[in-house]
Amino acid sequence: GGFQAIEWAVTEPDVFKRCLFIATAPRVSPYLSAT
């Protein structure tokens, strides 16, 4: 869900006033891909 939120905040930066990104990242890591 954080993946989507970060991507969306980048895609439409003028839409959002505040963002809360929890336990997430802007890019999938090799460790996550392995799991």
PDB file of all heavy atoms in Angstrom:
ATOM      1  N   GLY A   1       0.832  -1.202   0.000  1.00  0.00           N
ATOM      2  CA  GLY A   1       0.000   0.000   0.000  1.00  0.00           C
ATOM      3  C   GLY A   1       0.862   1.245   0.000  1.00  0.00           C
ATOM      4  O   GLY A   1       0.522   2.250  -0.623  1.00  0.00           O
ATOM      5  N   GLY A   2       1.992   1.168   0.674  1.00  0.00           N
ATOM      6  CA  GLY A   2       2.955   2.263   0.649  1.00  0.00           C
ATOM      7  C   GLY A   2       3.592   2.413  -0.715  1.00  0.00           C
ATOM      8  O   GLY A   2       3.889   3.531  -1.156  1.00  0.00           O
ATOM      9  N   PHE A   3       3.825   1.288  -1.399  1.00  0.00           N
ATOM     10  CA  PHE A   3       4.331   1.368  -2.774  1.00  0.00           C
ATOM     11  C   PHE A   3       3.400   2.237  -3.613  1.00  0.00           C
ATOM     12  O   PHE A   3       3.839   3.128  -4.350  1.00  0.00           O
ATOM     13  CB  PHE A   3       4.392  -0.029  -3.404  1.00  0.00           C
ATOM     14  CG  PHE A   3       5.522  -0.906  -2.945  1.00  0.00           C
ATOM     15  CD1 PHE A   3       6.316  -0.563  -1.868  1.00  0.00           C
ATOM     16  CD2 PHE A   3       5.788  -2.100  -3.590  1.00  0.00           C
ATOM     17  CE1 PHE A   3       7.355  -1.391  -1.448  1.00  0.00           C
ATOM     18  CE2 PHE A   3       6.819  -2.929  -3.194  1.00  0.00           C
ATOM     19  CZ  PHE A   3       7.605  -2.575  -2.123  1.00  0.00           C
ATOM     20  N   GLN A   4       2.103   1.948  -3.499  1.00  0.00           N
ATOM     21  CA  GLN A   4       1.120   2.712  -4.276  1.00  0.00           C
ATOM     22  C   GLN A   4       1.089   4.176  -3.844  1.00  0.00           C
ATOM     23  O   GLN A   4       1.021   5.079  -4.688  1.00  0.00           O
ATOM     24  CB  GLN A   4      -0.266   2.093  -4.092  1.00  0.00           C
ATOM     25  CG  GLN A   4      -0.403   0.675  -4.620  1.00  0.00           C
ATOM     26  CD  GLN A   4      -1.679   0.032  -4.131  1.00  0.00           C
ATOM     27  OE1 GLN A   4      -2.762   0.331  -4.610  1.00  0.00           O
ATOM     28  NE2 GLN A   4      -1.564  -0.864  -3.162  1.00  0.00           N
ATOM     29  N   ALA A   5       1.127   4.402  -2.542  1.00  0.00           N
ATOM     30  CA  ALA A   5       1.035   5.769  -2.034  1.00  0.00           C
ATOM     31  C   ALA A   5       2.218   6.616  -2.488  1.00  0.00           C
ATOM     32  O   ALA A   5       2.058   7.770  -2.906  1.00  0.00           O
ATOM     33  CB  ALA A   5       0.933   5.751  -0.513  1.00  0.00           C
ATOM     34  N   ILE A   6       3.421   6.052  -2.429  1.00  0.00           N
ATOM     35  CA  ILE A   6       4.599   6.805  -2.862  1.00  0.00           C
ATOM     36  C   ILE A   6       4.521   7.082  -4.358  1.00  0.00           C
ATOM     37  O   ILE A   6       4.769   8.205  -4.813  1.00  0.00           O
ATOM     38  CB  ILE A   6       5.896   6.052  -2.513  1.00  0.00           C
ATOM     39  CG1 ILE A   6       6.033   5.881  -0.993  1.00  0.00           C
ATOM     40  CG2 ILE A   6       7.107   6.800  -3.058  1.00  0.00           C
ATOM     41  CD1 ILE A   6       7.180   4.986  -0.571  1.00  0.00           C
ATOM     42  N   GLU A   7       4.195   6.052  -5.128  1.00  0.00           N
ATOM     43  CA  GLU A   7       4.073   6.219  -6.581  1.00  0.00           C
ATOM     44  C   GLU A   7       3.028   7.286  -6.912  1.00  0.00           C
ATOM     45  O   GLU A   7       3.241   8.126  -7.791  1.00  0.00           O
ATOM     46  CB  GLU A   7       3.680   4.885  -7.223  1.00  0.00           C
ATOM     47  CG  GLU A   7       3.380   4.936  -8.708  1.00  0.00           C
ATOM     48  CD  GLU A   7       4.569   5.308  -9.569  1.00  0.00           C
ATOM     49  OE1 GLU A   7       5.699   4.895  -9.230  1.00  0.00           O
ATOM     50  OE2 GLU A   7       4.367   6.022 -10.579  1.00  0.00           O
ATOM     51  N   TRP A   8       1.923   7.279  -6.189  1.00  0.00           N
ATOM     52  CA  TRP A   8       0.854   8.239  -6.454  1.00  0.00           C
ATOM     53  C   TRP A   8       1.277   9.655  -6.084  1.00  0.00           C
ATOM     54  O   TRP A   8       0.997  10.605  -6.812  1.00  0.00           O
ATOM     55  CB  TRP A   8      -0.391   7.829  -5.686  1.00  0.00           C
ATOM     56  CG  TRP A   8      -1.673   8.443  -6.158  1.00  0.00           C
ATOM     57  CD1 TRP A   8      -1.831   9.368  -7.155  1.00  0.00           C
ATOM     58  CD2 TRP A   8      -2.987   8.162  -5.665  1.00  0.00           C
ATOM     59  NE1 TRP A   8      -3.161   9.686  -7.309  1.00  0.00           N
ATOM     60  CE2 TRP A   8      -3.891   8.959  -6.411  1.00  0.00           C
ATOM     61  CE3 TRP A   8      -3.482   7.304  -4.684  1.00  0.00           C
ATOM     62  CZ2 TRP A   8      -5.268   8.933  -6.174  1.00  0.00           C
ATOM     63  CZ3 TRP A   8      -4.844   7.274  -4.452  1.00  0.00           C
ATOM     64  CH2 TRP A   8      -5.730   8.083  -5.196  1.00  0.00           C
ATOM     65  N   ALA A   9       1.963   9.802  -4.971  1.00  0.00           N
ATOM     66  CA  ALA A   9       2.420  11.133  -4.549  1.00  0.00           C
ATOM     67  C   ALA A   9       3.421  11.717  -5.536  1.00  0.00           C
ATOM     68  O   ALA A   9       3.505  12.938  -5.707  1.00  0.00           O
ATOM     69  CB  ALA A   9       3.026  11.063  -3.156  1.00  0.00           C
ATOM     70  N   VAL A  10       4.179  10.842  -6.197  1.00  0.00           N
ATOM     71  CA  VAL A  10       5.118  11.284  -7.237  1.00  0.00           C
ATOM     72  C   VAL A  10       4.363  11.610  -8.530  1.00  0.00           C
ATOM     73  O   VAL A  10       4.658  12.590  -9.217  1.00  0.00           O
ATOM     74  CB  VAL A  10       6.188  10.197  -7.492  1.00  0.00           C
ATOM     75  CG1 VAL A  10       7.014  10.526  -8.738  1.00  0.00           C
ATOM     76  CG2 VAL A  10       7.100  10.061  -6.278  1.00  0.00           C
ATOM     77  N   THR A  11       3.369  10.793  -8.861  1.00  0.00           N
ATOM     78  CA  THR A  11       2.612  10.961 -10.104  1.00  0.00           C
ATOM     79  C   THR A  11       1.757  12.215 -10.099  1.00  0.00           C
ATOM     80  O   THR A  11       1.667  12.932 -11.099  1.00  0.00           O
ATOM     81  CB  THR A  11       1.711   9.729 -10.347  1.00  0.00           C
ATOM     82  OG1 THR A  11       2.528   8.554 -10.412  1.00  0.00           O
ATOM     83  CG2 THR A  11       0.932   9.864 -11.648  1.00  0.00           C
ATOM     84  N   GLU A  12       1.094  12.479  -8.965  1.00  0.00           N
ATOM     85  CA  GLU A  12       0.203  13.638  -8.842  1.00  0.00           C
ATOM     86  C   GLU A  12       0.584  14.486  -7.613  1.00  0.00           C
ATOM     87  O   GLU A  12      -0.164  14.562  -6.629  1.00  0.00           O
ATOM     88  CB  GLU A  12      -1.256  13.186  -8.710  1.00  0.00           C
ATOM     89  CG  GLU A  12      -1.813  12.522  -9.951  1.00  0.00           C
ATOM     90  CD  GLU A  12      -3.335  12.389  -9.886  1.00  0.00           C
ATOM     91  OE1 GLU A  12      -3.858  11.925  -8.855  1.00  0.00           O
ATOM     92  OE2 GLU A  12      -4.000  12.767 -10.881  1.00  0.00           O
ATOM     93  N   PRO A  13       1.724  15.121  -7.662  1.00  0.00           N
ATOM     94  CA  PRO A  13       2.213  15.837  -6.462  1.00  0.00           C
ATOM     95  C   PRO A  13       1.317  16.976  -5.995  1.00  0.00           C
ATOM     96  O   PRO A  13       1.353  17.337  -4.816  1.00  0.00           O
ATOM     97  CB  PRO A  13       3.587  16.352  -6.902  1.00  0.00           C
ATOM     98  CG  PRO A  13       3.535  16.374  -8.395  1.00  0.00           C
ATOM     99  CD  PRO A  13       2.680  15.224  -8.785  1.00  0.00           C
ATOM    100  N   ASP A  14       0.531  17.555  -6.899  1.00  0.00           N
ATOM    101  CA  ASP A  14      -0.322  18.688  -6.511  1.00  0.00           C
ATOM    102  C   ASP A  14      -1.634  18.254  -5.852  1.00  0.00           C
ATOM    103  O   ASP A  14      -2.378  19.107  -5.348  1.00  0.00           O
ATOM    104  CB  ASP A  14      -0.634  19.547  -7.745  1.00  0.00           C
ATOM    105  CG  ASP A  14       0.603  20.230  -8.287  1.00  0.00           C
ATOM    106  OD1 ASP A  14       1.405  20.725  -7.478  1.00  0.00           O
ATOM    107  OD2 ASP A  14       0.779  20.259  -9.527  1.00  0.00           O
ATOM    108  N   VAL A  15      -1.912  16.963  -5.830  1.00  0.00           N
ATOM    109  CA  VAL A  15      -3.183  16.483  -5.287  1.00  0.00           C
ATOM    110  C   VAL A  15      -3.139  16.344  -3.759  1.00  0.00           C
ATOM    111  O   VAL A  15      -4.143  16.554  -3.080  1.00  0.00           O
ATOM    112  CB  VAL A  15      -3.562  15.133  -5.933  1.00  0.00           C
ATOM    113  CG1 VAL A  15      -4.715  14.454  -5.195  1.00  0.00           C
ATOM    114  CG2 VAL A  15      -3.925  15.339  -7.398  1.00  0.00           C
ATOM    115  N   PHE A  16      -1.975  16.027  -3.198  1.00  0.00           N
ATOM    116  CA  PHE A  16      -1.900  15.620  -1.801  1.00  0.00           C
ATOM    117  C   PHE A  16      -1.312  16.703  -0.900  1.00  0.00           C
ATOM    118  O   PHE A  16      -0.298  17.319  -1.222  1.00  0.00           O
ATOM    119  CB  PHE A  16      -1.079  14.335  -1.679  1.00  0.00           C
ATOM    120  CG  PHE A  16      -1.633  13.224  -2.518  1.00  0.00           C
ATOM    121  CD1 PHE A  16      -1.055  12.912  -3.754  1.00  0.00           C
ATOM    122  CD2 PHE A  16      -2.750  12.522  -2.122  1.00  0.00           C
ATOM    123  CE1 PHE A  16      -1.576  11.915  -4.553  1.00  0.00           C
ATOM    124  CE2 PHE A  16      -3.285  11.522  -2.912  1.00  0.00           C
ATOM    125  CZ  PHE A  16      -2.708  11.213  -4.124  1.00  0.00           C
ATOM    126  N   LYS A  17      -1.967  16.886   0.257  1.00  0.00           N
ATOM    127  CA  LYS A  17      -1.495  17.857   1.247  1.00  0.00           C
ATOM    128  C   LYS A  17      -0.557  17.210   2.267  1.00  0.00           C
ATOM    129  O   LYS A  17       0.410  17.826   2.719  1.00  0.00           O
ATOM    130  CB  LYS A  17      -2.676  18.495   1.971  1.00  0.00           C
ATOM    131  CG  LYS A  17      -3.600  19.301   1.067  1.00  0.00           C
ATOM    132  CD  LYS A  17      -4.785  19.863   1.850  1.00  0.00           C
ATOM    133  CE  LYS A  17      -5.726  20.641   0.954  1.00  0.00           C
ATOM    134  NZ  LYS A  17      -6.917  21.148   1.710  1.00  0.00           N
ATOM    135  N   ARG A  18      -0.873  15.974   2.629  1.00  0.00           N
ATOM    136  CA  ARG A  18      -0.060  15.264   3.615  1.00  0.00           C
ATOM    137  C   ARG A  18       0.001  13.794   3.235  1.00  0.00           C
ATOM    138  O   ARG A  18      -0.980  13.225   2.751  1.00  0.00           O
ATOM    139  CB  ARG A  18      -0.654  15.407   5.025  1.00  0.00           C
ATOM    140  CG  ARG A  18       0.183  14.768   6.126  1.00  0.00           C
ATOM    141  CD  ARG A  18      -0.514  14.845   7.475  1.00  0.00           C
ATOM    142  NE  ARG A  18       0.260  14.173   8.504  1.00  0.00           N
ATOM    143  CZ  ARG A  18      -0.195  13.848   9.702  1.00  0.00           C
ATOM    144  NH1 ARG A  18      -1.454  14.126  10.031  1.00  0.00           N
ATOM    145  NH2 ARG A  18       0.579  13.220  10.578  1.00  0.00           N
ATOM    146  N   CYS A  19       1.157  13.185   3.455  1.00  0.00           N
ATOM    147  CA  CYS A  19       1.347  11.760   3.181  1.00  0.00           C
ATOM    148  C   CYS A  19       1.931  11.069   4.402  1.00  0.00           C
ATOM    149  O   CYS A  19       2.771  11.638   5.109  1.00  0.00           O
ATOM    150  CB  CYS A  19       2.281  11.536   2.000  1.00  0.00           C
ATOM    151  SG  CYS A  19       1.659  12.128   0.407  1.00  0.00           S
ATOM    152  N   LEU A  20       1.504   9.833   4.616  1.00  0.00           N
ATOM    153  CA  LEU A  20       2.057   8.997   5.674  1.00  0.00           C
ATOM    154  C   LEU A  20       2.445   7.664   5.050  1.00  0.00           C
ATOM    155  O   LEU A  20       1.583   6.885   4.629  1.00  0.00           O
ATOM    156  CB  LEU A  20       1.015   8.798   6.779  1.00  0.00           C
ATOM    157  CG  LEU A  20       1.409   7.913   7.974  1.00  0.00           C
ATOM    158  CD1 LEU A  20       2.650   8.450   8.673  1.00  0.00           C
ATOM    159  CD2 LEU A  20       0.239   7.801   8.953  1.00  0.00           C
ATOM    160  N   PHE A  21       3.743   7.417   4.951  1.00  0.00           N
ATOM    161  CA  PHE A  21       4.270   6.184   4.367  1.00  0.00           C
ATOM    162  C   PHE A  21       4.811   5.319   5.502  1.00  0.00           C
ATOM    163  O   PHE A  21       5.744   5.720   6.207  1.00  0.00           O
ATOM    164  CB  PHE A  21       5.391   6.482   3.374  1.00  0.00           C
ATOM    165  CG  PHE A  21       5.026   7.445   2.272  1.00  0.00           C
ATOM    166  CD1 PHE A  21       5.958   8.370   1.807  1.00  0.00           C
ATOM    167  CD2 PHE A  21       3.778   7.423   1.685  1.00  0.00           C
ATOM    168  CE1 PHE A  21       5.645   9.260   0.780  1.00  0.00           C
ATOM    169  CE2 PHE A  21       3.448   8.308   0.663  1.00  0.00           C
ATOM    170  CZ  PHE A  21       4.385   9.232   0.207  1.00  0.00           C
ATOM    171  N   ILE A  22       4.255   4.124   5.676  1.00  0.00           N
ATOM    172  CA  ILE A  22       4.586   3.269   6.814  1.00  0.00           C
ATOM    173  C   ILE A  22       5.151   1.935   6.328  1.00  0.00           C
ATOM    174  O   ILE A  22       4.525   1.247   5.511  1.00  0.00           O
ATOM    175  CB  ILE A  22       3.340   2.991   7.675  1.00  0.00           C
ATOM    176  CG1 ILE A  22       2.601   4.288   8.028  1.00  0.00           C
ATOM    177  CG2 ILE A  22       3.723   2.231   8.950  1.00  0.00           C
ATOM    178  CD1 ILE A  22       1.207   4.054   8.600  1.00  0.00           C
ATOM    179  N   ALA A  23       6.334   1.571   6.841  1.00  0.00           N
ATOM    180  CA  ALA A  23       6.917   0.253   6.563  1.00  0.00           C
ATOM    181  C   ALA A  23       6.896  -0.053   5.072  1.00  0.00           C
ATOM    182  O   ALA A  23       6.281  -1.033   4.628  1.00  0.00           O
ATOM    183  CB  ALA A  23       6.175  -0.825   7.350  1.00  0.00           C
ATOM    184  N   THR A  24       7.564   0.774   4.302  1.00  0.00           N
ATOM    185  CA  THR A  24       7.505   0.648   2.850  1.00  0.00           C
ATOM    186  C   THR A  24       8.785   1.194   2.239  1.00  0.00           C
ATOM    187  O   THR A  24       9.762   1.473   2.951  1.00  0.00           O
ATOM    188  CB  THR A  24       6.251   1.380   2.320  1.00  0.00           C
ATOM    189  OG1 THR A  24       6.059   1.040   0.950  1.00  0.00           O
ATOM    190  CG2 THR A  24       6.343   2.881   2.500  1.00  0.00           C
ATOM    191  N   ALA A  25       8.807   1.368   0.913  1.00  0.00           N
ATOM    192  CA  ALA A  25      10.002   1.847   0.225  1.00  0.00           C
ATOM    193  C   ALA A  25       9.628   2.376  -1.155  1.00  0.00           C
ATOM    194  O   ALA A  25       8.584   2.009  -1.699  1.00  0.00           O
ATOM    195  CB  ALA A  25      11.036   0.726   0.078  1.00  0.00           C
ATOM    196  N   PRO A  26      10.481   3.215  -1.744  1.00  0.00           N
ATOM    197  CA  PRO A  26      10.209   3.724  -3.087  1.00  0.00           C
ATOM    198  C   PRO A  26      10.633   2.776  -4.203  1.00  0.00           C
ATOM    199  O   PRO A  26      10.351   3.025  -5.374  1.00  0.00           O
ATOM    200  CB  PRO A  26      11.022   5.015  -3.128  1.00  0.00           C
ATOM    201  CG  PRO A  26      12.172   4.752  -2.222  1.00  0.00           C
ATOM    202  CD  PRO A  26      11.637   3.880  -1.129  1.00  0.00           C
ATOM    203  N   ARG A  27      11.319   1.698  -3.833  1.00  0.00           N
ATOM    204  CA  ARG A  27      11.723   0.712  -4.845  1.00  0.00           C
ATOM    205  C   ARG A  27      11.844  -0.653  -4.176  1.00  0.00           C
ATOM    206  O   ARG A  27      12.309  -0.766  -3.039  1.00  0.00           O
ATOM    207  CB  ARG A  27      13.064   1.100  -5.482  1.00  0.00           C
ATOM    208  CG  ARG A  27      13.504   0.136  -6.577  1.00  0.00           C
ATOM    209  CD  ARG A  27      14.734   0.612  -7.320  1.00  0.00           C
ATOM    210  NE  ARG A  27      15.043  -0.279  -8.431  1.00  0.00           N
ATOM    211  CZ  ARG A  27      16.003  -0.078  -9.323  1.00  0.00           C
ATOM    212  NH1 ARG A  27      16.765   1.012  -9.222  1.00  0.00           N
ATOM    213  NH2 ARG A  27      16.199  -0.930 -10.304  1.00  0.00           N
ATOM    214  N   VAL A  28      11.418  -1.697  -4.867  1.00  0.00           N
ATOM    215  CA  VAL A  28      11.525  -3.043  -4.318  1.00  0.00           C
ATOM    216  C   VAL A  28      13.001  -3.390  -4.133  1.00  0.00           C
ATOM    217  O   VAL A  28      13.838  -3.090  -4.989  1.00  0.00           O
ATOM    218  CB  VAL A  28      10.816  -4.064  -5.228  1.00  0.00           C
ATOM    219  CG1 VAL A  28      11.516  -4.184  -6.587  1.00  0.00           C
ATOM    220  CG2 VAL A  28      10.701  -5.417  -4.549  1.00  0.00           C
ATOM    221  N   SER A  29      13.338  -4.003  -3.034  1.00  0.00           N
ATOM    222  CA  SER A  29      14.726  -4.369  -2.743  1.00  0.00           C
ATOM    223  C   SER A  29      15.019  -5.784  -3.234  1.00  0.00           C
ATOM    224  O   SER A  29      14.094  -6.595  -3.409  1.00  0.00           O
ATOM    225  CB  SER A  29      14.983  -4.304  -1.240  1.00  0.00           C
ATOM    226  OG  SER A  29      14.259  -5.332  -0.572  1.00  0.00           O
ATOM    227  N   PRO A  30      16.299  -6.128  -3.439  1.00  0.00           N
ATOM    228  CA  PRO A  30      16.632  -7.509  -3.799  1.00  0.00           C
ATOM    229  C   PRO A  30      16.150  -8.510  -2.744  1.00  0.00           C
ATOM    230  O   PRO A  30      15.735  -9.621  -3.093  1.00  0.00           O
ATOM    231  CB  PRO A  30      18.160  -7.484  -3.894  1.00  0.00           C
ATOM    232  CG  PRO A  30      18.501  -6.067  -4.230  1.00  0.00           C
ATOM    233  CD  PRO A  30      17.493  -5.246  -3.492  1.00  0.00           C
ATOM    234  N   TYR A  31      16.194  -8.112  -1.478  1.00  0.00           N
ATOM    235  CA  TYR A  31      15.742  -9.015  -0.417  1.00  0.00           C
ATOM    236  C   TYR A  31      14.248  -9.305  -0.543  1.00  0.00           C
ATOM    237  O   TYR A  31      13.822 -10.460  -0.463  1.00  0.00           O
ATOM    238  CB  TYR A  31      16.049  -8.404   0.958  1.00  0.00           C
ATOM    239  CG  TYR A  31      15.617  -9.277   2.116  1.00  0.00           C
ATOM    240  CD1 TYR A  31      16.400 -10.353   2.517  1.00  0.00           C
ATOM    241  CD2 TYR A  31      14.426  -9.036   2.798  1.00  0.00           C
ATOM    242  CE1 TYR A  31      16.019 -11.170   3.574  1.00  0.00           C
ATOM    243  CE2 TYR A  31      14.027  -9.848   3.847  1.00  0.00           C
ATOM    244  CZ  TYR A  31      14.823 -10.904   4.231  1.00  0.00           C
ATOM    245  OH  TYR A  31      14.429 -11.713   5.275  1.00  0.00           O
ATOM    246  N   LEU A  32      13.456  -8.275  -0.760  1.00  0.00           N
ATOM    247  CA  LEU A  32      12.017  -8.479  -0.920  1.00  0.00           C
ATOM    248  C   LEU A  32      11.733  -9.301  -2.172  1.00  0.00           C
ATOM    249  O   LEU A  32      10.884 -10.201  -2.156  1.00  0.00           O
ATOM    250  CB  LEU A  32      11.286  -7.137  -0.989  1.00  0.00           C
ATOM    251  CG  LEU A  32       9.770  -7.205  -1.217  1.00  0.00           C
ATOM    252  CD1 LEU A  32       9.095  -8.082  -0.165  1.00  0.00           C
ATOM    253  CD2 LEU A  32       9.165  -5.811  -1.220  1.00  0.00           C
ATOM    254  N   SER A  33      12.428  -9.013  -3.256  1.00  0.00           N
ATOM    255  CA  SER A  33      12.233  -9.800  -4.490  1.00  0.00           C
ATOM    256  C   SER A  33      12.550 -11.273  -4.254  1.00  0.00           C
ATOM    257  O   SER A  33      11.866 -12.158  -4.790  1.00  0.00           O
ATOM    258  CB  SER A  33      13.124  -9.259  -5.610  1.00  0.00           C
ATOM    259  OG  SER A  33      12.602  -8.080  -6.156  1.00  0.00           O
ATOM    260  N   ALA A  34      13.576 -11.543  -3.447  1.00  0.00           N
ATOM    261  CA  ALA A  34      13.941 -12.931  -3.152  1.00  0.00           C
ATOM    262  C   ALA A  34      12.838 -13.625  -2.356  1.00  0.00           C
ATOM    263  O   ALA A  34      12.489 -14.784  -2.641  1.00  0.00           O
ATOM    264  CB  ALA A  34      15.257 -12.975  -2.384  1.00  0.00           C
ATOM    265  N   THR A  35      12.267 -12.940  -1.375  1.00  0.00           N
ATOM    266  CA  THR A  35      11.187 -13.557  -0.598  1.00  0.00           C
ATOM    267  C   THR A  35       9.965 -13.799  -1.473  1.00  0.00           C
ATOM    268  O   THR A  35       9.287 -14.821  -1.341  1.00  0.00           O
ATOM    269  CB  THR A  35      10.793 -12.684   0.610  1.00  0.00           C
ATOM    270  OG1 THR A  35      10.199 -11.461   0.167  1.00  0.00           O
ATOM    271  CG2 THR A  35      11.995 -12.367   1.484  1.00  0.00           C
TER     272      THR A  35
END
